[in-house]
Every structure is written in C-alpha cells, then in structure tokens.
C-alpha cells in the first residue's frame, strides 16, 4: 500500500491495471479448463492460449472475447 503513495506511483497505474486484468483472465481460463477437463472429448478438442490484455474499440468494459482458431495437427 505504501508503494501506491510514493511520488510517481501514478505513472505505474496502467501497468498495475494490466497485470491485474491478466491475473483475472488467467483465473477465468483456469475455471473453464476445469470444466473442460471433465469431458475427455472436449479436452481433446480444445487448446487454451495464455490470456492477453487488449483494448478493443466497441466492447463494453469487462467483456471477455473468445477467439476460435483452427487447430494445427
């Protein structure tokens, strides 16, 4: 908490927000992976990539985007 009060801490706000967004995204992915792991068929057909934090114009704040991609064999 004291680090947030130091001079210049406001310049790190974006970095801290991005780090927190990535932590939340990873927690969501972990929860989805647990559900997928319960079905061998789903587990075999899915691959989860690491989360990324991007600002996408036109999306509401906090919205999650899932991108489907063809799996390379």
N, C-alpha and C. Protein backbone atom coordinates (compact mmCIF):
# COMPACT_ATOMS: atom_id res chain seq x y z
N UNK A 1 0.83 -1.19 0.00
CA UNK A 1 0.00 0.00 0.00
C UNK A 1 0.87 1.25 0.00
N UNK A 2 1.98 1.18 0.70
CA UNK A 2 2.86 2.34 0.75
C UNK A 2 3.44 2.66 -0.64
N UNK A 3 3.68 1.64 -1.45
CA UNK A 3 4.19 1.87 -2.81
C UNK A 3 3.22 2.72 -3.63
N UNK A 4 1.93 2.60 -3.37
CA UNK A 4 0.94 3.37 -4.12
C UNK A 4 0.96 4.84 -3.74
N UNK A 5 1.53 5.16 -2.58
CA UNK A 5 1.57 6.54 -2.10
C UNK A 5 2.87 7.26 -2.46
N UNK A 6 3.83 6.54 -2.98
CA UNK A 6 5.12 7.16 -3.32
C UNK A 6 4.98 8.12 -4.49
N UNK A 7 5.84 9.11 -4.55
CA UNK A 7 5.82 10.02 -5.70
C UNK A 7 6.07 9.25 -7.00
N UNK A 8 5.29 9.53 -8.00
CA UNK A 8 5.44 8.87 -9.30
C UNK A 8 4.67 7.57 -9.43
N UNK A 9 4.00 7.14 -8.37
CA UNK A 9 3.26 5.88 -8.41
C UNK A 9 2.13 5.92 -9.44
N UNK A 10 1.59 7.10 -9.71
CA UNK A 10 0.51 7.22 -10.68
C UNK A 10 0.97 6.82 -12.08
N UNK A 11 2.26 6.93 -12.36
CA UNK A 11 2.77 6.55 -13.68
C UNK A 11 2.74 5.04 -13.88
N UNK A 12 2.66 4.29 -12.79
CA UNK A 12 2.63 2.83 -12.86
C UNK A 12 1.20 2.28 -12.86
N UNK A 13 0.21 3.14 -12.81
CA UNK A 13 -1.19 2.70 -12.70
C UNK A 13 -1.59 1.81 -13.88
N UNK A 14 -1.19 2.17 -15.08
CA UNK A 14 -1.52 1.36 -16.25
C UNK A 14 -0.92 -0.02 -16.20
N UNK A 15 0.32 -0.11 -15.76
CA UNK A 15 1.00 -1.40 -15.64
C UNK A 15 0.30 -2.27 -14.59
N UNK A 16 -0.06 -1.66 -13.46
CA UNK A 16 -0.74 -2.42 -12.41
C UNK A 16 -2.11 -2.89 -12.87
N UNK A 17 -2.84 -2.05 -13.58
CA UNK A 17 -4.16 -2.42 -14.08
C UNK A 17 -4.06 -3.57 -15.08
N UNK A 18 -3.08 -3.50 -15.96
CA UNK A 18 -2.89 -4.57 -16.95
C UNK A 18 -2.52 -5.88 -16.26
N UNK A 19 -1.64 -5.82 -15.27
CA UNK A 19 -1.25 -7.02 -14.53
C UNK A 19 -2.45 -7.65 -13.83
N UNK A 20 -3.30 -6.82 -13.24
CA UNK A 20 -4.49 -7.34 -12.57
C UNK A 20 -5.47 -7.94 -13.57
N UNK A 21 -5.62 -7.29 -14.72
CA UNK A 21 -6.51 -7.83 -15.76
C UNK A 21 -6.03 -9.20 -16.22
N UNK A 22 -4.74 -9.36 -16.36
CA UNK A 22 -4.19 -10.65 -16.78
C UNK A 22 -4.37 -11.71 -15.70
N UNK A 23 -4.26 -11.34 -14.43
CA UNK A 23 -4.50 -12.29 -13.34
C UNK A 23 -5.94 -12.76 -13.33
N UNK A 24 -6.87 -11.83 -13.52
CA UNK A 24 -8.29 -12.19 -13.56
C UNK A 24 -8.57 -13.08 -14.77
N UNK A 25 -8.00 -12.74 -15.92
CA UNK A 25 -8.19 -13.54 -17.12
C UNK A 25 -7.66 -14.96 -16.92
N UNK A 26 -6.51 -15.09 -16.28
CA UNK A 26 -5.94 -16.42 -16.05
C UNK A 26 -6.83 -17.23 -15.11
N UNK A 27 -7.39 -16.59 -14.10
CA UNK A 27 -8.30 -17.27 -13.17
C UNK A 27 -9.54 -17.76 -13.91
N UNK A 28 -10.06 -16.95 -14.82
CA UNK A 28 -11.22 -17.36 -15.62
C UNK A 28 -10.87 -18.54 -16.52
N UNK A 29 -9.70 -18.48 -17.15
CA UNK A 29 -9.27 -19.58 -18.01
C UNK A 29 -9.09 -20.86 -17.21
N UNK A 30 -8.52 -20.76 -16.02
CA UNK A 30 -8.34 -21.93 -15.18
C UNK A 30 -9.69 -22.57 -14.84
N UNK A 31 -10.69 -21.74 -14.54
CA UNK A 31 -12.03 -22.25 -14.22
C UNK A 31 -12.64 -22.96 -15.43
N UNK A 32 -12.48 -22.39 -16.61
CA UNK A 32 -13.01 -23.02 -17.83
C UNK A 32 -12.28 -24.33 -18.10
N UNK A 33 -10.97 -24.34 -17.92
CA UNK A 33 -10.20 -25.57 -18.14
C UNK A 33 -10.64 -26.68 -17.20
N UNK A 34 -11.00 -26.36 -15.97
CA UNK A 34 -11.50 -27.37 -15.05
C UNK A 34 -12.81 -27.98 -15.56
N UNK A 35 -13.66 -27.16 -16.12
CA UNK A 35 -14.92 -27.67 -16.67
C UNK A 35 -14.65 -28.54 -17.89
N UNK A 36 -13.79 -28.07 -18.76
CA UNK A 36 -13.45 -28.82 -19.98
C UNK A 36 -12.80 -30.16 -19.63
N UNK A 37 -11.99 -30.19 -18.59
CA UNK A 37 -11.28 -31.41 -18.19
C UNK A 37 -12.24 -32.52 -17.78
N UNK A 38 -13.46 -32.18 -17.43
CA UNK A 38 -14.45 -33.18 -17.04
C UNK A 38 -14.97 -33.97 -18.23
N UNK A 39 -14.76 -33.48 -19.43
CA UNK A 39 -15.21 -34.16 -20.65
C UNK A 39 -13.99 -34.50 -21.51
N UNK A 40 -13.63 -35.79 -21.59
CA UNK A 40 -12.46 -36.16 -22.41
C UNK A 40 -12.58 -35.70 -23.86
N UNK A 41 -13.78 -35.72 -24.40
CA UNK A 41 -13.98 -35.29 -25.79
C UNK A 41 -13.68 -33.79 -25.95
N UNK A 42 -14.16 -32.98 -25.04
CA UNK A 42 -13.88 -31.54 -25.10
C UNK A 42 -12.40 -31.26 -24.86
N UNK A 43 -11.83 -31.96 -23.89
CA UNK A 43 -10.42 -31.74 -23.56
C UNK A 43 -9.53 -32.03 -24.76
N UNK A 44 -9.89 -33.06 -25.49
CA UNK A 44 -9.11 -33.47 -26.67
C UNK A 44 -9.23 -32.46 -27.81
N UNK A 45 -10.32 -31.71 -27.86
CA UNK A 45 -10.59 -30.81 -28.98
C UNK A 45 -10.29 -29.35 -28.69
N UNK A 46 -9.77 -29.06 -27.51
CA UNK A 46 -9.53 -27.65 -27.17
C UNK A 46 -8.07 -27.41 -26.80
N UNK A 47 -7.67 -26.18 -27.00
CA UNK A 47 -6.35 -25.73 -26.59
C UNK A 47 -6.55 -24.32 -26.03
N UNK A 48 -5.97 -24.06 -24.90
CA UNK A 48 -6.12 -22.75 -24.28
C UNK A 48 -4.79 -22.01 -24.38
N UNK A 49 -4.85 -20.82 -24.92
CA UNK A 49 -3.66 -19.98 -25.04
C UNK A 49 -3.58 -19.05 -23.84
N UNK A 50 -2.41 -18.54 -23.53
CA UNK A 50 -2.29 -17.58 -22.43
C UNK A 50 -3.15 -16.33 -22.70
N UNK A 51 -3.68 -15.74 -21.65
CA UNK A 51 -4.51 -14.54 -21.86
C UNK A 51 -3.67 -13.35 -22.31
N UNK A 52 -4.34 -12.42 -22.96
CA UNK A 52 -3.69 -11.16 -23.33
C UNK A 52 -4.65 -10.03 -23.01
N UNK A 53 -4.11 -8.90 -22.63
CA UNK A 53 -4.93 -7.74 -22.29
C UNK A 53 -4.83 -6.75 -23.45
N UNK A 54 -5.95 -6.56 -24.11
CA UNK A 54 -6.00 -5.63 -25.24
C UNK A 54 -7.24 -4.78 -25.11
N UNK A 55 -7.14 -3.54 -25.54
CA UNK A 55 -8.30 -2.67 -25.59
C UNK A 55 -8.90 -2.80 -26.99
N UNK A 56 -10.18 -3.20 -27.05
CA UNK A 56 -10.86 -3.38 -28.32
C UNK A 56 -11.99 -2.38 -28.39
N UNK A 57 -11.95 -1.49 -29.36
CA UNK A 57 -12.98 -0.46 -29.52
C UNK A 57 -14.35 -1.12 -29.71
N UNK A 58 -15.35 -0.56 -29.06
CA UNK A 58 -16.72 -1.03 -29.24
C UNK A 58 -17.15 -2.07 -28.22
N UNK A 59 -16.23 -2.59 -27.40
CA UNK A 59 -16.61 -3.56 -26.39
C UNK A 59 -16.86 -2.86 -25.07
N UNK A 60 -17.83 -3.38 -24.35
CA UNK A 60 -18.12 -2.83 -23.03
C UNK A 60 -16.99 -3.20 -22.07
N UNK A 61 -16.81 -2.42 -21.06
CA UNK A 61 -15.77 -2.67 -20.07
C UNK A 61 -15.99 -4.02 -19.40
N UNK A 62 -14.93 -4.80 -19.29
CA UNK A 62 -15.01 -6.09 -18.62
C UNK A 62 -15.50 -7.23 -19.49
N UNK A 63 -15.75 -6.97 -20.74
CA UNK A 63 -16.23 -8.01 -21.64
C UNK A 63 -15.08 -8.95 -22.01
N UNK A 64 -15.38 -10.23 -22.14
CA UNK A 64 -14.39 -11.23 -22.48
C UNK A 64 -14.61 -11.67 -23.92
N UNK A 65 -13.53 -11.80 -24.67
CA UNK A 65 -13.60 -12.22 -26.06
C UNK A 65 -12.92 -13.58 -26.19
N UNK A 66 -13.61 -14.54 -26.78
CA UNK A 66 -13.04 -15.85 -27.07
C UNK A 66 -12.81 -15.92 -28.55
N UNK A 67 -11.58 -16.23 -28.94
CA UNK A 67 -11.24 -16.32 -30.35
C UNK A 67 -11.07 -17.79 -30.71
N UNK A 68 -11.83 -18.24 -31.70
CA UNK A 68 -11.72 -19.61 -32.17
C UNK A 68 -10.71 -19.68 -33.28
N UNK A 69 -9.91 -20.71 -33.29
CA UNK A 69 -8.89 -20.88 -34.32
C UNK A 69 -8.82 -22.35 -34.70
N UNK A 70 -8.48 -22.60 -35.96
CA UNK A 70 -8.31 -23.97 -36.40
C UNK A 70 -7.09 -24.56 -35.72
N UNK A 71 -7.21 -25.76 -35.26
CA UNK A 71 -6.12 -26.41 -34.56
C UNK A 71 -5.15 -27.03 -35.57
N UNK A 72 -3.87 -26.79 -35.37
CA UNK A 72 -2.85 -27.37 -36.23
C UNK A 72 -2.51 -28.75 -35.72
N UNK A 73 -2.54 -29.74 -36.58
CA UNK A 73 -2.23 -31.11 -36.15
C UNK A 73 -0.78 -31.44 -36.36
